[in-house]
């Protein structure tokens, strides 16, 4: 995933998702995109509340939900049941640490390829798999 994103790139993403382009959405998306630690809505709110006059936590939650529904972000549930967000929509999986409750990305196409190959020979009855996301749960050593 890219390490930076321009305002014009964010506007293009919002436009492509048929979302209204607002200053709040631009800044919330940029904060989410640049934060590789899979932030919670509260983290984004804390980081932006000084820069966006009148920003509320409810607005951040609603905006993140709009991003998820539009395919611009995904939700990840941590071990403590808190909801974290990820703007990286490329194929990747997650490592979830039970000690720190942190979430890290793992990019290994072979993991998903193995599962896809398995599903070709062992289809799940009455179920159409559209996407594969693996969460590895353990402790960082």
Protein backbone atom coordinates (compact mmCIF):
# COMPACT_ATOMS: atom_id res chain seq x y z
CA UNK A 1 0.00 0.00 0.00
CA UNK A 2 1.12 3.54 -0.73
CA UNK A 3 2.55 5.59 2.12
CA UNK A 4 0.96 8.87 1.07
CA UNK A 5 -2.13 10.08 -0.71
CA UNK A 6 -2.97 13.44 -2.23
CA UNK A 7 -6.17 15.39 -1.75
CA UNK A 8 -6.93 14.89 -5.45
CA UNK A 9 -6.52 11.12 -5.10
CA UNK A 10 -8.93 11.12 -2.15
CA UNK A 11 -11.42 13.22 -4.10
CA UNK A 12 -11.16 10.76 -6.99
CA UNK A 13 -11.83 7.83 -4.64
CA UNK A 14 -14.87 9.57 -3.13
CA UNK A 15 -16.14 10.50 -6.59
CA UNK A 16 -15.67 6.93 -7.90
CA UNK A 17 -17.62 5.63 -4.88
CA UNK A 18 -20.37 8.15 -5.72
CA UNK A 19 -19.93 9.92 -2.38
CA UNK A 20 -20.34 13.60 -1.74
CA UNK A 21 -16.92 15.22 -1.45
CA UNK A 22 -16.66 17.18 1.80
CA UNK A 23 -13.70 18.51 3.75
CA UNK A 24 -14.56 16.23 6.69
CA UNK A 25 -14.65 13.13 4.50
CA UNK A 26 -11.35 14.07 2.85
CA UNK A 27 -9.58 14.58 6.19
CA UNK A 28 -11.11 11.47 7.81
CA UNK A 29 -10.13 9.32 4.83
CA UNK A 30 -6.61 10.76 4.78
CA UNK A 31 -6.20 10.06 8.50
CA UNK A 32 -7.45 6.50 8.03
CA UNK A 33 -5.27 5.92 4.97
CA UNK A 34 -2.08 7.19 6.62
CA UNK A 35 -2.62 5.37 9.93
CA UNK A 36 -1.20 1.90 9.36
CA UNK A 37 -2.10 0.77 12.90
CA UNK A 38 -5.75 0.11 11.97
CA UNK A 39 -7.26 2.89 14.08
CA UNK A 40 -10.55 2.88 15.92
CA UNK A 41 -13.02 5.68 15.26
CA UNK A 42 -11.99 7.23 18.57
CA UNK A 43 -8.35 7.37 17.44
CA UNK A 44 -9.29 9.18 14.25
CA UNK A 45 -11.52 11.57 16.18
CA UNK A 46 -8.75 12.36 18.68
CA UNK A 47 -6.26 13.03 15.89
CA UNK A 48 -8.62 15.30 13.94
CA UNK A 49 -10.75 17.15 16.49
CA UNK A 50 -8.28 20.06 16.73
CA UNK A 51 -8.14 20.47 12.93
CA UNK A 52 -11.84 20.14 12.11
CA UNK A 53 -14.06 22.63 13.89
CA UNK A 54 -17.26 21.05 15.15
CA UNK A 55 -16.19 17.47 14.42
CA UNK A 56 -18.04 14.94 16.54
CA UNK A 57 -17.27 11.31 17.27
CA UNK A 58 -20.66 10.43 15.78
CA UNK A 59 -19.63 12.08 12.50
CA UNK A 60 -16.44 10.02 12.43
CA UNK A 61 -18.41 6.79 13.04
CA UNK A 62 -20.97 7.67 10.35
CA UNK A 63 -18.27 8.61 7.86
CA UNK A 64 -16.33 5.40 8.47
CA UNK A 65 -19.53 3.38 8.02
CA UNK A 66 -20.12 5.17 4.70
CA UNK A 67 -16.56 4.31 3.65
CA UNK A 68 -17.10 0.64 4.57
CA UNK A 69 -20.43 0.43 2.71
CA UNK A 70 -18.82 2.11 -0.33
CA UNK A 71 -15.85 -0.25 -0.42
CA UNK A 72 -13.28 2.38 0.59
CA UNK A 73 -12.49 0.77 3.95
CA UNK A 74 -13.04 -2.38 5.93
CA UNK A 75 -13.81 -3.16 9.55
CA UNK A 76 -11.59 -5.44 11.60
CA UNK A 77 -12.62 -6.74 15.00
CA UNK A 78 -9.83 -6.98 17.56
CA UNK A 79 -9.59 -9.47 20.41
CA UNK A 80 -11.27 -7.06 22.85
CA UNK A 81 -14.22 -6.74 20.40
CA UNK A 82 -13.22 -3.18 19.50
CA UNK A 83 -13.75 -2.24 15.86
CA UNK A 84 -10.77 -1.01 13.88
CA UNK A 85 -10.71 0.31 10.33
CA UNK A 86 -8.43 -0.29 7.37
CA UNK A 87 -8.30 1.75 4.14
CA UNK A 88 -6.07 -0.82 2.45
CA UNK A 89 -8.48 -2.70 0.22
CA UNK A 90 -5.78 -4.71 -1.54
CA UNK A 91 -5.64 -8.45 -0.93
CA UNK A 92 -4.00 -8.97 2.43
CA UNK A 93 -4.60 -10.63 5.78
CA UNK A 94 -4.14 -9.61 9.40
CA UNK A 95 -2.10 -10.61 12.41
CA UNK A 96 -3.96 -9.86 15.64
CA UNK A 97 -1.88 -9.79 18.82
CA UNK A 98 -3.72 -11.00 21.93
CA UNK A 99 -1.23 -9.25 24.24
CA UNK A 100 -1.24 -5.76 22.74
CA UNK A 101 -4.55 -5.97 20.84
CA UNK A 102 -2.65 -4.58 17.83
CA UNK A 103 -3.48 -5.46 14.24
CA UNK A 104 -0.80 -5.79 11.60
CA UNK A 105 -1.01 -6.43 7.86
CA UNK A 106 0.47 -9.52 6.26
CA UNK A 107 0.92 -9.56 2.49
CA UNK A 108 1.35 -13.12 1.26
CA UNK A 109 -0.60 -14.07 -1.86
CA UNK A 110 0.22 -17.73 -1.33
CA UNK A 111 -2.02 -17.90 1.77
CA UNK A 112 -5.10 -16.92 -0.20
CA UNK A 113 -4.02 -19.02 -3.17
CA UNK A 114 -3.87 -22.12 -0.92
CA UNK A 115 -7.38 -21.45 0.37
CA UNK A 116 -8.72 -20.76 -3.14
CA UNK A 117 -7.17 -24.03 -4.38
CA UNK A 118 -8.71 -25.90 -1.47
CA UNK A 119 -12.15 -24.41 -2.16
CA UNK A 120 -11.95 -25.46 -5.82
CA UNK A 121 -11.81 -29.10 -4.75
CA UNK A 122 -13.84 -28.72 -1.54
CA UNK A 123 -16.63 -26.24 -2.24
CA UNK A 124 -18.77 -25.18 0.68
CA UNK A 125 -22.35 -26.37 0.08
CA UNK A 126 -24.92 -23.61 -0.42
CA UNK A 127 -22.32 -20.87 -0.01
CA UNK A 128 -20.60 -18.61 -2.54
CA UNK A 129 -17.23 -17.34 -1.29
CA UNK A 130 -16.67 -13.81 -2.62
CA UNK A 131 -13.60 -12.83 -0.65
CA UNK A 132 -11.04 -14.49 1.59
CA UNK A 133 -9.56 -12.72 4.58
CA UNK A 134 -7.52 -14.61 7.14
CA UNK A 135 -6.86 -13.42 10.66
CA UNK A 136 -3.94 -14.96 12.48
CA UNK A 137 -4.42 -14.61 16.22
CA UNK A 138 -1.43 -14.92 18.54
CA UNK A 139 1.32 -12.96 20.23
CA UNK A 140 4.07 -10.90 18.69
CA UNK A 141 7.45 -12.28 19.77
